[in-house]
Structures are given as C-alpha cells and as structure tokens.
Amino acid sequence: MEITRIDCERFFSGSQEIDRKRLIIALVLSTVEHMAWTIKRKSHGWKSGQRILSIAFGELEFVWEADDNSVCGRFYHKRQYTRWWGYSGEVIPASLVSTIYEHLSEIVEKTAEAFPRLGIIEHFQFFMNQAPAKSV
C-alpha cells in the first residue's frame, strides 16, 4: 500500500492504539514479574543469568532469567540479537507492540504452567471477573 498523502487523524488513532496496547502489556507483564519475584534463585540452584523459561514467537522470545536474587522477564529479538527489559513507555519498539500483544496471553499461561505455586491463573481470574460483561 503506497501512501501519497499523510492522514494525521489516522496517524493519531494508530498512535493511540499502540499506546493502549503498550499499557496493557506493561500492566500484565509487570504483574506477572512481580509475582515471579517471590521465586528465589538460590533456593532453586539457578545461576545468575540462567534461562529458566523461554517462550518464542516469530523473531521474538520472552525469557524468564535468574537475576541477582530472583527471576525477571526479558525480551530478545532473534534477528537483531538485542534484548530489553522493562515494559512501559517507549521501551518496546512500536513495530513489535502488536506482535507482543497478540502473544501476551500465551506468555502469561506458559509462565503459570511453569510456576504453578505462584497462583497466576487465580490472580488473573479474580481481576477478569471484575470486568463488566461485554455487550453483544
């Protein structure tokens, strides 16, 4: 699709959608990461920097790694060989927001399977039950 004229309203709308998805990604992943911080690295015998769980989708990979005392989540971009930590603001490149958003539930569900004692499913279920019913 070749663009011959810039539609500023459409640009603004697209920017708002990216920001909305970034906000959801940040809230969901920071919630799960906060719960994962209760997992103590030393009690599991993990070495700092060790990959605990890897969830790949396309050229991206979300990895739970042993950190100084606990575990933390990081994204890796396979083609660019870059990684980043953190989920808010401009940290996640706009070009990757939609891909991460599409796989967000998968990241949460696989994390919950790997760490069942954290109660991730129950935690999310509680908040999902607070949401108003969708109108048809």
C-alpha atoms as a PDB file:
ATOM      1  CA  MET A   1       0.000   0.000   0.000  1.00  0.00           C
ATOM      2  CA  GLU A   2       1.593   3.201  -1.180  1.00  0.00           C
ATOM      3  CA  ILE A   3       0.753   6.343   0.738  1.00  0.00           C
ATOM      4  CA  THR A   4       0.531   9.526  -1.281  1.00  0.00           C
ATOM      5  CA  ARG A   5      -0.961  11.705   1.415  1.00  0.00           C
ATOM      6  CA  ILE A   6      -0.482  11.716   5.194  1.00  0.00           C
ATOM      7  CA  ASP A   7      -3.720  11.312   7.156  1.00  0.00           C
ATOM      8  CA  CYS A   8      -2.937  12.938  10.509  1.00  0.00           C
ATOM      9  CA  GLU A   9      -6.172  11.717  12.124  1.00  0.00           C
ATOM     10  CA  ARG A  10      -5.365   8.135  11.180  1.00  0.00           C
ATOM     11  CA  PHE A  11      -1.791   8.587  12.433  1.00  0.00           C
ATOM     12  CA  PHE A  12      -3.145   9.835  15.765  1.00  0.00           C
ATOM     13  CA  SER A  13      -5.589   6.927  16.001  1.00  0.00           C
ATOM     14  CA  GLY A  14      -2.824   4.406  15.279  1.00  0.00           C
ATOM     15  CA  SER A  15      -0.584   6.050  17.868  1.00  0.00           C
ATOM     16  CA  GLN A  16      -3.336   5.822  20.488  1.00  0.00           C
ATOM     17  CA  GLU A  17      -3.843   2.121  19.704  1.00  0.00           C
ATOM     18  CA  ILE A  18      -0.121   1.406  20.122  1.00  0.00           C
ATOM     19  CA  ASP A  19      -0.166   3.291  23.453  1.00  0.00           C
ATOM     20  CA  ARG A  20      -3.240   1.323  24.623  1.00  0.00           C
ATOM     21  CA  LYS A  21      -1.539  -1.984  23.810  1.00  0.00           C
ATOM     22  CA  ARG A  22       1.703  -0.847  25.472  1.00  0.00           C
ATOM     23  CA  LEU A  23      -0.252  -0.021  28.633  1.00  0.00           C
ATOM     24  CA  ILE A  24      -1.862  -3.478  28.672  1.00  0.00           C
ATOM     25  CA  ILE A  25       1.483  -5.196  28.031  1.00  0.00           C
ATOM     26  CA  ALA A  26       3.130  -3.183  30.808  1.00  0.00           C
ATOM     27  CA  LEU A  27       0.386  -3.928  33.342  1.00  0.00           C
ATOM     28  CA  VAL A  28       0.179  -7.649  32.563  1.00  0.00           C
ATOM     29  CA  LEU A  29       3.919  -8.342  32.418  1.00  0.00           C
ATOM     30  CA  SER A  30       4.815  -6.211  35.426  1.00  0.00           C
ATOM     31  CA  THR A  31       2.082  -8.022  37.412  1.00  0.00           C
ATOM     32  CA  VAL A  32       3.442 -11.439  36.451  1.00  0.00           C
ATOM     33  CA  GLU A  33       7.019 -10.339  37.060  1.00  0.00           C
ATOM     34  CA  HIS A  34       6.112  -9.009  40.499  1.00  0.00           C
ATOM     35  CA  MET A  35       4.624 -12.410  41.330  1.00  0.00           C
ATOM     36  CA  ALA A  36       7.717 -14.155  39.947  1.00  0.00           C
ATOM     37  CA  TRP A  37       9.984 -12.129  42.224  1.00  0.00           C
ATOM     38  CA  THR A  38       8.851 -14.388  45.056  1.00  0.00           C
ATOM     39  CA  ILE A  39      10.811 -17.219  43.408  1.00  0.00           C
ATOM     40  CA  LYS A  40      14.239 -17.162  44.969  1.00  0.00           C
ATOM     41  CA  ARG A  41      17.051 -18.009  42.591  1.00  0.00           C
ATOM     42  CA  LYS A  42      19.341 -19.587  45.156  1.00  0.00           C
ATOM     43  CA  SER A  43      16.710 -21.955  46.535  1.00  0.00           C
ATOM     44  CA  HIS A  44      16.371 -23.491  43.051  1.00  0.00           C
ATOM     45  CA  GLY A  45      20.107 -23.660  42.412  1.00  0.00           C
ATOM     46  CA  TRP A  46      19.890 -21.372  39.377  1.00  0.00           C
ATOM     47  CA  LYS A  47      22.917 -19.328  38.379  1.00  0.00           C
ATOM     48  CA  SER A  48      22.546 -15.615  37.702  1.00  0.00           C
ATOM     49  CA  GLY A  49      21.774 -15.139  34.015  1.00  0.00           C
ATOM     50  CA  GLN A  50      20.462 -18.690  33.586  1.00  0.00           C
ATOM     51  CA  ARG A  51      17.405 -19.041  31.350  1.00  0.00           C
ATOM     52  CA  ILE A  52      14.554 -20.609  33.305  1.00  0.00           C
ATOM     53  CA  LEU A  53      11.778 -20.486  30.699  1.00  0.00           C
ATOM     54  CA  SER A  54      11.817 -19.410  27.070  1.00  0.00           C
ATOM     55  CA  ILE A  55       8.660 -18.565  25.101  1.00  0.00           C
ATOM     56  CA  ALA A  56       9.407 -17.971  21.417  1.00  0.00           C
ATOM     57  CA  PHE A  57       7.058 -16.447  18.876  1.00  0.00           C
ATOM     58  CA  GLY A  58       8.327 -15.432  15.478  1.00  0.00           C
ATOM     59  CA  GLU A  59      11.500 -13.418  15.736  1.00  0.00           C
ATOM     60  CA  LEU A  60      10.795 -12.579  19.368  1.00  0.00           C
ATOM     61  CA  GLU A  61      11.429 -14.535  22.507  1.00  0.00           C
ATOM     62  CA  PHE A  62      10.302 -13.809  26.046  1.00  0.00           C
ATOM     63  CA  VAL A  63      12.671 -15.313  28.590  1.00  0.00           C
ATOM     64  CA  TRP A  64      12.485 -15.722  32.342  1.00  0.00           C
ATOM     65  CA  GLU A  65      16.054 -15.461  33.618  1.00  0.00           C
ATOM     66  CA  ALA A  66      17.590 -15.885  37.030  1.00  0.00           C
ATOM     67  CA  ASP A  67      18.661 -12.476  38.253  1.00  0.00           C
ATOM     68  CA  ASP A  68      20.690 -11.496  41.318  1.00  0.00           C
ATOM     69  CA  ASN A  69      18.184 -12.894  43.796  1.00  0.00           C
ATOM     70  CA  SER A  70      15.071 -13.795  41.844  1.00  0.00           C
ATOM     71  CA  VAL A  71      13.837 -14.122  38.254  1.00  0.00           C
ATOM     72  CA  CYS A  72      12.958 -11.424  35.754  1.00  0.00           C
ATOM     73  CA  GLY A  73      11.474 -11.297  32.280  1.00  0.00           C
ATOM     74  CA  ARG A  74      13.326 -10.096  29.199  1.00  0.00           C
ATOM     75  CA  PHE A  75      12.532  -9.878  25.528  1.00  0.00           C
ATOM     76  CA  TYR A  76      15.030 -10.953  22.891  1.00  0.00           C
ATOM     77  CA  HIS A  77      14.832 -10.135  19.201  1.00  0.00           C
ATOM     78  CA  LYS A  78      16.455 -13.056  17.358  1.00  0.00           C
ATOM     79  CA  ARG A  79      17.355 -11.280  14.141  1.00  0.00           C
ATOM     80  CA  GLN A  80      18.765  -8.139  15.735  1.00  0.00           C
ATOM     81  CA  TYR A  81      20.352 -10.017  18.655  1.00  0.00           C
ATOM     82  CA  THR A  82      19.101  -7.397  21.061  1.00  0.00           C
ATOM     83  CA  ARG A  83      17.363  -7.727  24.383  1.00  0.00           C
ATOM     84  CA  TRP A  84      15.484  -5.362  26.573  1.00  0.00           C
ATOM     85  CA  TRP A  85      13.960  -5.378  30.000  1.00  0.00           C
ATOM     86  CA  GLY A  86      11.027  -3.305  31.071  1.00  0.00           C
ATOM     87  CA  TYR A  87       7.644  -2.953  29.520  1.00  0.00           C
ATOM     88  CA  SER A  88       6.480   0.636  29.777  1.00  0.00           C
ATOM     89  CA  GLY A  89       6.876   3.815  27.795  1.00  0.00           C
ATOM     90  CA  GLU A  90       8.952   3.669  24.661  1.00  0.00           C
ATOM     91  CA  VAL A  91      10.951   0.624  25.776  1.00  0.00           C
ATOM     92  CA  ILE A  92       9.058  -1.742  23.487  1.00  0.00           C
ATOM     93  CA  PRO A  93       9.599  -0.669  19.878  1.00  0.00           C
ATOM     94  CA  ALA A  94       6.313   0.380  18.245  1.00  0.00           C
ATOM     95  CA  SER A  95       6.889  -2.105  15.417  1.00  0.00           C
ATOM     96  CA  LEU A  96       6.822  -5.009  17.900  1.00  0.00           C
ATOM     97  CA  VAL A  97       3.930  -3.929  20.138  1.00  0.00           C
ATOM     98  CA  SER A  98       1.214  -5.713  18.130  1.00  0.00           C
ATOM     99  CA  THR A  99       3.188  -8.977  17.994  1.00  0.00           C
ATOM    100  CA  ILE A 100       3.812  -8.954  21.738  1.00  0.00           C
ATOM    101  CA  TYR A 101       0.187  -8.017  22.397  1.00  0.00           C
ATOM    102  CA  GLU A 102      -1.026 -10.968  20.287  1.00  0.00           C
ATOM    103  CA  HIS A 103       1.119 -13.384  22.345  1.00  0.00           C
ATOM    104  CA  LEU A 104       0.558 -11.834  25.769  1.00  0.00           C
ATOM    105  CA  SER A 105      -1.932 -14.474  26.949  1.00  0.00           C
ATOM    106  CA  GLU A 106       0.452 -17.214  25.818  1.00  0.00           C
ATOM    107  CA  ILE A 107       3.284 -15.673  27.858  1.00  0.00           C
ATOM    108  CA  VAL A 108       1.092 -15.499  30.972  1.00  0.00           C
ATOM    109  CA  GLU A 109      -0.323 -19.019  30.526  1.00  0.00           C
ATOM    110  CA  LYS A 110       3.071 -20.673  29.931  1.00  0.00           C
ATOM    111  CA  THR A 111       4.518 -18.806  32.898  1.00  0.00           C
ATOM    112  CA  ALA A 112       1.612 -20.018  35.046  1.00  0.00           C
ATOM    113  CA  GLU A 113       2.258 -23.618  33.909  1.00  0.00           C
ATOM    114  CA  ALA A 114       5.964 -23.334  34.707  1.00  0.00           C
ATOM    115  CA  PHE A 115       5.392 -21.784  38.136  1.00  0.00           C
ATOM    116  CA  PRO A 116       2.050 -23.184  39.376  1.00  0.00           C
ATOM    117  CA  ARG A 117       2.610 -22.206  43.012  1.00  0.00           C
ATOM    118  CA  LEU A 118       2.555 -18.502  42.134  1.00  0.00           C
ATOM    119  CA  GLY A 119      -1.221 -18.549  41.632  1.00  0.00           C
ATOM    120  CA  ILE A 120      -1.069 -16.552  38.405  1.00  0.00           C
ATOM    121  CA  ILE A 121      -4.222 -18.094  36.924  1.00  0.00           C
ATOM    122  CA  GLU A 122      -6.236 -17.409  40.090  1.00  0.00           C
ATOM    123  CA  HIS A 123      -4.889 -13.854  40.283  1.00  0.00           C
ATOM    124  CA  PHE A 124      -5.838 -13.078  36.693  1.00  0.00           C
ATOM    125  CA  GLN A 125      -9.180 -14.844  37.048  1.00  0.00           C
ATOM    126  CA  PHE A 126     -10.076 -12.618  40.003  1.00  0.00           C
ATOM    127  CA  PHE A 127      -9.439  -9.450  38.007  1.00  0.00           C
ATOM    128  CA  MET A 128     -11.080 -10.815  34.869  1.00  0.00           C
ATOM    129  CA  ASN A 129     -14.213 -11.453  36.957  1.00  0.00           C
ATOM    130  CA  GLN A 130     -14.230  -7.762  37.939  1.00  0.00           C
ATOM    131  CA  ALA A 131     -14.570  -6.663  34.309  1.00  0.00           C
ATOM    132  CA  PRO A 132     -18.024  -5.648  33.124  1.00  0.00           C
ATOM    133  CA  ALA A 133     -19.755  -8.131  30.841  1.00  0.00           C
ATOM    134  CA  LYS A 134     -19.236  -7.464  27.151  1.00  0.00           C
ATOM    135  CA  SER A 135     -22.304  -6.243  25.340  1.00  0.00           C
ATOM    136  CA  VAL A 136     -23.259  -8.087  22.167  1.00  0.00           C
END
